[in-house]
Amino acid sequence: MPIRFPVHVQPGARAPAVGGMRASSLLVKVREPATEGKANNAVLLAVADAFGVRPRAVRLVHGRGSRRKLVEVTIDDELGAATLARLKASTGG
């Protein structure tokens, strides 16, 4: 079951973090700079870790060159309820 949601990326952060909101999007902070796709890769890994899914279950749908991105997480039906609950808690919904 794929779930899509917007994220706002803060590259070059002191510590990686997933949670909170900025501009109606999930805030994702990563240490990596926004060069050569390093921040994009870090965002996908951070989202996967935060929602307890494998990295291959997370993909960037839109916004490769922007701080605002659309991310898709594909979750198994068994893990779906727990992952969806984490997503809602992180986005305040």
C-alpha atoms as a PDB file:
ATOM      1  CA  MET A   1       0.000   0.000   0.000  1.00  0.00           C
ATOM      2  CA  PRO A   2       1.785   3.217  -1.131  1.00  0.00           C
ATOM      3  CA  ILE A   3       1.391   6.428   0.853  1.00  0.00           C
ATOM      4  CA  ARG A   4       2.511   9.778  -0.574  1.00  0.00           C
ATOM      5  CA  PHE A   5       3.236  12.865   1.500  1.00  0.00           C
ATOM      6  CA  PRO A   6       5.156  16.129   1.134  1.00  0.00           C
ATOM      7  CA  VAL A   7       8.411  16.718   2.979  1.00  0.00           C
ATOM      8  CA  HIS A   8      10.422  19.864   3.584  1.00  0.00           C
ATOM      9  CA  VAL A   9      14.160  19.162   3.697  1.00  0.00           C
ATOM     10  CA  GLN A  10      16.683  21.026   5.811  1.00  0.00           C
ATOM     11  CA  PRO A  11      20.128  19.982   4.494  1.00  0.00           C
ATOM     12  CA  GLY A  12      23.286  20.648   6.473  1.00  0.00           C
ATOM     13  CA  ALA A  13      21.573  20.158   9.840  1.00  0.00           C
ATOM     14  CA  ARG A  14      23.614  19.395  12.950  1.00  0.00           C
ATOM     15  CA  ALA A  15      21.727  16.173  13.519  1.00  0.00           C
ATOM     16  CA  PRO A  16      19.354  14.166  11.339  1.00  0.00           C
ATOM     17  CA  ALA A  17      15.710  14.178  12.414  1.00  0.00           C
ATOM     18  CA  VAL A  18      12.272  13.390  11.052  1.00  0.00           C
ATOM     19  CA  GLY A  19       9.292  15.083  12.632  1.00  0.00           C
ATOM     20  CA  GLY A  20       7.420  18.317  12.958  1.00  0.00           C
ATOM     21  CA  MET A  21       5.900  20.413  10.239  1.00  0.00           C
ATOM     22  CA  ARG A  22       7.058  23.198   7.965  1.00  0.00           C
ATOM     23  CA  ALA A  23       4.876  24.671   5.230  1.00  0.00           C
ATOM     24  CA  SER A  24       2.304  21.849   5.563  1.00  0.00           C
ATOM     25  CA  SER A  25       5.022  19.234   5.019  1.00  0.00           C
ATOM     26  CA  LEU A  26       6.841  16.738   7.202  1.00  0.00           C
ATOM     27  CA  LEU A  27      10.170  18.277   8.280  1.00  0.00           C
ATOM     28  CA  VAL A  28      13.214  16.117   7.522  1.00  0.00           C
ATOM     29  CA  LYS A  29      16.640  17.324   8.683  1.00  0.00           C
ATOM     30  CA  VAL A  30      19.765  15.723   7.227  1.00  0.00           C
ATOM     31  CA  ARG A  31      23.484  16.369   7.705  1.00  0.00           C
ATOM     32  CA  GLU A  32      24.360  15.939   4.043  1.00  0.00           C
ATOM     33  CA  PRO A  33      24.659  18.981   1.775  1.00  0.00           C
ATOM     34  CA  ALA A  34      22.237  19.626  -1.071  1.00  0.00           C
ATOM     35  CA  THR A  35      24.791  18.746  -3.736  1.00  0.00           C
ATOM     36  CA  GLU A  36      25.035  15.805  -6.125  1.00  0.00           C
ATOM     37  CA  GLY A  37      21.910  14.173  -4.688  1.00  0.00           C
ATOM     38  CA  LYS A  38      23.506  13.571  -1.279  1.00  0.00           C
ATOM     39  CA  ALA A  39      20.667  15.213   0.653  1.00  0.00           C
ATOM     40  CA  ASN A  40      18.030  13.386  -1.414  1.00  0.00           C
ATOM     41  CA  ASN A  41      19.578  10.010  -0.581  1.00  0.00           C
ATOM     42  CA  ALA A  42      19.828  10.957   3.087  1.00  0.00           C
ATOM     43  CA  VAL A  43      16.168  12.020   3.140  1.00  0.00           C
ATOM     44  CA  LEU A  44      15.023   8.691   1.750  1.00  0.00           C
ATOM     45  CA  LEU A  45      17.118   6.780   4.287  1.00  0.00           C
ATOM     46  CA  ALA A  46      15.888   8.968   7.163  1.00  0.00           C
ATOM     47  CA  VAL A  47      12.241   8.497   6.181  1.00  0.00           C
ATOM     48  CA  ALA A  48      12.736   4.730   5.858  1.00  0.00           C
ATOM     49  CA  ASP A  49      14.331   4.578   9.291  1.00  0.00           C
ATOM     50  CA  ALA A  50      11.680   6.797  10.890  1.00  0.00           C
ATOM     51  CA  PHE A  51       8.811   4.669   9.592  1.00  0.00           C
ATOM     52  CA  GLY A  52      10.461   1.298  10.062  1.00  0.00           C
ATOM     53  CA  VAL A  53      10.532   0.266   6.413  1.00  0.00           C
ATOM     54  CA  ARG A  54      13.346  -0.867   4.148  1.00  0.00           C
ATOM     55  CA  PRO A  55      15.103   1.868   2.158  1.00  0.00           C
ATOM     56  CA  ARG A  56      13.868   0.377  -1.120  1.00  0.00           C
ATOM     57  CA  ALA A  57      10.288   0.989   0.073  1.00  0.00           C
ATOM     58  CA  VAL A  58      10.827   4.775  -0.061  1.00  0.00           C
ATOM     59  CA  ARG A  59      11.119   6.744  -3.273  1.00  0.00           C
ATOM     60  CA  LEU A  60      11.289  10.349  -4.348  1.00  0.00           C
ATOM     61  CA  VAL A  61       8.317  11.145  -6.576  1.00  0.00           C
ATOM     62  CA  HIS A  62       8.883  14.858  -7.159  1.00  0.00           C
ATOM     63  CA  GLY A  63      11.228  17.661  -6.123  1.00  0.00           C
ATOM     64  CA  ARG A  64      14.709  16.305  -6.787  1.00  0.00           C
ATOM     65  CA  GLY A  65      16.188  19.840  -6.934  1.00  0.00           C
ATOM     66  CA  SER A  66      13.966  21.464  -4.323  1.00  0.00           C
ATOM     67  CA  ARG A  67      13.649  21.530  -0.544  1.00  0.00           C
ATOM     68  CA  ARG A  68       9.975  20.620  -0.982  1.00  0.00           C
ATOM     69  CA  LYS A  69       9.610  17.041  -2.122  1.00  0.00           C
ATOM     70  CA  LEU A  70       6.925  14.441  -2.575  1.00  0.00           C
ATOM     71  CA  VAL A  71       7.894  11.087  -1.079  1.00  0.00           C
ATOM     72  CA  GLU A  72       6.175   7.738  -1.487  1.00  0.00           C
ATOM     73  CA  VAL A  73       6.446   4.986   1.105  1.00  0.00           C
ATOM     74  CA  THR A  74       5.243   1.507   0.176  1.00  0.00           C
ATOM     75  CA  ILE A  75       4.261  -0.478   3.228  1.00  0.00           C
ATOM     76  CA  ASP A  76       3.281  -4.101   3.746  1.00  0.00           C
ATOM     77  CA  ASP A  77      -0.256  -4.755   4.858  1.00  0.00           C
ATOM     78  CA  GLU A  78       1.022  -6.327   8.103  1.00  0.00           C
ATOM     79  CA  LEU A  79       3.082  -3.272   9.004  1.00  0.00           C
ATOM     80  CA  GLY A  80       0.684  -0.790   7.467  1.00  0.00           C
ATOM     81  CA  ALA A  81      -1.239   0.176  10.574  1.00  0.00           C
ATOM     82  CA  ALA A  82       1.875   0.810  12.683  1.00  0.00           C
ATOM     83  CA  THR A  83       3.628   2.723   9.899  1.00  0.00           C
ATOM     84  CA  LEU A  84       0.561   4.844   9.208  1.00  0.00           C
ATOM     85  CA  ALA A  85       0.275   5.650  12.923  1.00  0.00           C
ATOM     86  CA  ARG A  86       3.932   6.813  12.981  1.00  0.00           C
ATOM     87  CA  LEU A  87       3.334   8.951   9.902  1.00  0.00           C
ATOM     88  CA  LYS A  88       0.262  10.590  11.436  1.00  0.00           C
ATOM     89  CA  ALA A  89       2.102  11.225  14.716  1.00  0.00           C
ATOM     90  CA  SER A  90       5.036  12.824  12.873  1.00  0.00           C
ATOM     91  CA  THR A  91       2.828  15.103  10.821  1.00  0.00           C
ATOM     92  CA  GLY A  92       0.524  16.015  13.665  1.00  0.00           C
ATOM     93  CA  GLY A  93      -2.460  14.442  11.946  1.00  0.00           C
END
